[in-house]
Amino acid sequence: MPKLFHPLLKIVAHAPHRELAAQVQYLKVENEILRSKRPH
């Protein structure tokens, strides 16, 4: 986890707010799609 956390923190620290909002929205939609495909 620490190896993953550091690059993510670096991205968050340097990305403009609008870009971060777009990334968050993309990840939310991606999660919805993946959750709909998994068995219940």
PDB file of N, CA and C in Angstrom:
ATOM      1  N   MET A   1       0.805  -1.215   0.000  1.00  0.00           N
ATOM      2  CA  MET A   1       0.000   0.000   0.000  1.00  0.00           C
ATOM      3  C   MET A   1       0.846   1.276   0.000  1.00  0.00           C
ATOM      4  N   PRO A   2       1.921   1.349   0.793  1.00  0.00           N
ATOM      5  CA  PRO A   2       2.726   2.573   0.782  1.00  0.00           C
ATOM      6  C   PRO A   2       3.282   2.902  -0.608  1.00  0.00           C
ATOM      7  N   LYS A   3       3.607   1.881  -1.403  1.00  0.00           N
ATOM      8  CA  LYS A   3       4.130   2.151  -2.749  1.00  0.00           C
ATOM      9  C   LYS A   3       3.057   2.770  -3.632  1.00  0.00           C
ATOM     10  N   LEU A   4       1.813   2.391  -3.425  1.00  0.00           N
ATOM     11  CA  LEU A   4       0.711   2.956  -4.200  1.00  0.00           C
ATOM     12  C   LEU A   4       0.344   4.343  -3.689  1.00  0.00           C
ATOM     13  N   PHE A   5       0.364   4.527  -2.392  1.00  0.00           N
ATOM     14  CA  PHE A   5      -0.080   5.783  -1.788  1.00  0.00           C
ATOM     15  C   PHE A   5       0.776   6.964  -2.214  1.00  0.00           C
ATOM     16  N   HIS A   6       2.081   6.801  -2.255  1.00  0.00           N
ATOM     17  CA  HIS A   6       2.980   7.915  -2.571  1.00  0.00           C
ATOM     18  C   HIS A   6       2.704   8.513  -3.957  1.00  0.00           C
ATOM     19  N   PRO A   7       2.616   7.690  -5.022  1.00  0.00           N
ATOM     20  CA  PRO A   7       2.311   8.285  -6.337  1.00  0.00           C
ATOM     21  C   PRO A   7       0.942   8.961  -6.374  1.00  0.00           C
ATOM     22  N   LEU A   8      -0.038   8.381  -5.693  1.00  0.00           N
ATOM     23  CA  LEU A   8      -1.365   8.998  -5.660  1.00  0.00           C
ATOM     24  C   LEU A   8      -1.313  10.349  -4.970  1.00  0.00           C
ATOM     25  N   LEU A   9      -0.579  10.434  -3.880  1.00  0.00           N
ATOM     26  CA  LEU A   9      -0.437  11.690  -3.153  1.00  0.00           C
ATOM     27  C   LEU A   9       0.249  12.735  -4.027  1.00  0.00           C
ATOM     28  N   LYS A  10       1.241  12.303  -4.780  1.00  0.00           N
ATOM     29  CA  LYS A  10       1.958  13.215  -5.676  1.00  0.00           C
ATOM     30  C   LYS A  10       1.020  13.759  -6.756  1.00  0.00           C
ATOM     31  N   ILE A  11       0.164  12.893  -7.302  1.00  0.00           N
ATOM     32  CA  ILE A  11      -0.804  13.323  -8.324  1.00  0.00           C
ATOM     33  C   ILE A  11      -1.776  14.336  -7.739  1.00  0.00           C
ATOM     34  N   VAL A  12      -2.311  14.018  -6.571  1.00  0.00           N
ATOM     35  CA  VAL A  12      -3.289  14.902  -5.923  1.00  0.00           C
ATOM     36  C   VAL A  12      -2.668  16.254  -5.601  1.00  0.00           C
ATOM     37  N   ALA A  13      -1.443  16.251  -5.154  1.00  0.00           N
ATOM     38  CA  ALA A  13      -0.780  17.489  -4.758  1.00  0.00           C
ATOM     39  C   ALA A  13      -0.512  18.415  -5.943  1.00  0.00           C
ATOM     40  N   HIS A  14      -0.368  17.862  -7.139  1.00  0.00           N
ATOM     41  CA  HIS A  14       0.011  18.682  -8.286  1.00  0.00           C
ATOM     42  C   HIS A  14      -1.100  18.906  -9.311  1.00  0.00           C
ATOM     43  N   ALA A  15      -2.201  18.240  -9.148  1.00  0.00           N
ATOM     44  CA  ALA A  15      -3.275  18.365 -10.142  1.00  0.00           C
ATOM     45  C   ALA A  15      -4.202  19.532  -9.795  1.00  0.00           C
ATOM     46  N   PRO A  16      -4.637  20.281 -10.797  1.00  0.00           N
ATOM     47  CA  PRO A  16      -5.603  21.354 -10.559  1.00  0.00           C
ATOM     48  C   PRO A  16      -6.948  20.781 -10.094  1.00  0.00           C
ATOM     49  N   HIS A  17      -7.708  21.593  -9.393  1.00  0.00           N
ATOM     50  CA  HIS A  17      -8.984  21.156  -8.825  1.00  0.00           C
ATOM     51  C   HIS A  17      -9.916  20.578  -9.886  1.00  0.00           C
ATOM     52  N   ARG A  18     -10.026  21.209 -11.012  1.00  0.00           N
ATOM     53  CA  ARG A  18     -10.936  20.751 -12.075  1.00  0.00           C
ATOM     54  C   ARG A  18     -10.538  19.363 -12.578  1.00  0.00           C
ATOM     55  N   GLU A  19      -9.235  19.154 -12.713  1.00  0.00           N
ATOM     56  CA  GLU A  19      -8.737  17.857 -13.168  1.00  0.00           C
ATOM     57  C   GLU A  19      -9.038  16.779 -12.130  1.00  0.00           C
ATOM     58  N   LEU A  20      -8.845  17.101 -10.862  1.00  0.00           N
ATOM     59  CA  LEU A  20      -9.149  16.141  -9.797  1.00  0.00           C
ATOM     60  C   LEU A  20     -10.628  15.794  -9.773  1.00  0.00           C
ATOM     61  N   ALA A  21     -11.480  16.783  -9.945  1.00  0.00           N
ATOM     62  CA  ALA A  21     -12.922  16.537  -9.958  1.00  0.00           C
ATOM     63  C   ALA A  21     -13.281  15.600 -11.104  1.00  0.00           C
ATOM     64  N   ALA A  22     -12.662  15.781 -12.250  1.00  0.00           N
ATOM     65  CA  ALA A  22     -12.917  14.914 -13.396  1.00  0.00           C
ATOM     66  C   ALA A  22     -12.444  13.487 -13.122  1.00  0.00           C
ATOM     67  N   GLN A  23     -11.296  13.341 -12.482  1.00  0.00           N
ATOM     68  CA  GLN A  23     -10.776  12.015 -12.152  1.00  0.00           C
ATOM     69  C   GLN A  23     -11.694  11.309 -11.146  1.00  0.00           C
ATOM     70  N   VAL A  24     -12.166  12.029 -10.156  1.00  0.00           N
ATOM     71  CA  VAL A  24     -13.069  11.455  -9.164  1.00  0.00           C
ATOM     72  C   VAL A  24     -14.358  10.993  -9.829  1.00  0.00           C
ATOM     73  N   GLN A  25     -14.903  11.807 -10.709  1.00  0.00           N
ATOM     74  CA  GLN A  25     -16.134  11.429 -11.411  1.00  0.00           C
ATOM     75  C   GLN A  25     -15.911  10.179 -12.247  1.00  0.00           C
ATOM     76  N   TYR A  26     -14.785  10.111 -12.935  1.00  0.00           N
ATOM     77  CA  TYR A  26     -14.466   8.936 -13.744  1.00  0.00           C
ATOM     78  C   TYR A  26     -14.400   7.691 -12.875  1.00  0.00           C
ATOM     79  N   LEU A  27     -13.735   7.790 -11.727  1.00  0.00           N
ATOM     80  CA  LEU A  27     -13.596   6.639 -10.842  1.00  0.00           C
ATOM     81  C   LEU A  27     -14.938   6.202 -10.255  1.00  0.00           C
ATOM     82  N   LYS A  28     -15.806   7.149  -9.964  1.00  0.00           N
ATOM     83  CA  LYS A  28     -17.143   6.805  -9.458  1.00  0.00           C
ATOM     84  C   LYS A  28     -17.921   6.008 -10.496  1.00  0.00           C
ATOM     85  N   VAL A  29     -17.873   6.452 -11.738  1.00  0.00           N
ATOM     86  CA  VAL A  29     -18.583   5.745 -12.816  1.00  0.00           C
ATOM     87  C   VAL A  29     -17.954   4.367 -13.029  1.00  0.00           C
ATOM     88  N   GLU A  30     -16.630   4.313 -13.008  1.00  0.00           N
ATOM     89  CA  GLU A  30     -15.949   3.035 -13.181  1.00  0.00           C
ATOM     90  C   GLU A  30     -16.343   2.054 -12.078  1.00  0.00           C
ATOM     91  N   ASN A  31     -16.413   2.526 -10.838  1.00  0.00           N
ATOM     92  CA  ASN A  31     -16.826   1.671  -9.724  1.00  0.00           C
ATOM     93  C   ASN A  31     -18.246   1.167  -9.905  1.00  0.00           C
ATOM     94  N   GLU A  32     -19.137   2.026 -10.357  1.00  0.00           N
ATOM     95  CA  GLU A  32     -20.523   1.603 -10.601  1.00  0.00           C
ATOM     96  C   GLU A  32     -20.570   0.488 -11.642  1.00  0.00           C
ATOM     97  N   ILE A  33     -19.814   0.643 -12.701  1.00  0.00           N
ATOM     98  CA  ILE A  33     -19.791  -0.361 -13.759  1.00  0.00           C
ATOM     99  C   ILE A  33     -19.239  -1.687 -13.229  1.00  0.00           C
ATOM    100  N   LEU A  34     -18.128  -1.620 -12.517  1.00  0.00           N
ATOM    101  CA  LEU A  34     -17.524  -2.845 -11.991  1.00  0.00           C
ATOM    102  C   LEU A  34     -18.431  -3.524 -10.970  1.00  0.00           C
ATOM    103  N   ARG A  35     -19.068  -2.755 -10.116  1.00  0.00           N
ATOM    104  CA  ARG A  35     -19.985  -3.341  -9.124  1.00  0.00           C
ATOM    105  C   ARG A  35     -21.187  -3.999  -9.788  1.00  0.00           C
ATOM    106  N   SER A  36     -21.644  -3.431 -10.889  1.00  0.00           N
ATOM    107  CA  SER A  36     -22.802  -4.021 -11.582  1.00  0.00           C
ATOM    108  C   SER A  36     -22.438  -5.341 -12.259  1.00  0.00           C
ATOM    109  N   LYS A  37     -21.167  -5.557 -12.545  1.00  0.00           N
ATOM    110  CA  LYS A  37     -20.720  -6.782 -13.222  1.00  0.00           C
ATOM    111  C   LYS A  37     -20.393  -7.917 -12.264  1.00  0.00           C
ATOM    112  N   ARG A  38     -20.175  -7.618 -10.996  1.00  0.00           N
ATOM    113  CA  ARG A  38     -19.806  -8.692 -10.065  1.00  0.00           C
ATOM    114  C   ARG A  38     -21.049  -9.466  -9.637  1.00  0.00           C
ATOM    115  N   PRO A  39     -20.865 -10.716  -9.301  1.00  0.00           N
ATOM    116  CA  PRO A  39     -22.013 -11.517  -8.858  1.00  0.00           C
ATOM    117  C   PRO A  39     -22.539 -11.022  -7.509  1.00  0.00           C
ATOM    118  N   HIS A  40     -23.853 -11.090  -7.338  1.00  0.00           N
ATOM    119  CA  HIS A  40     -24.467 -10.591  -6.101  1.00  0.00           C
ATOM    120  C   HIS A  40     -24.446 -11.619  -5.055  1.00  0.00           C
TER     121      HIS A  40
END
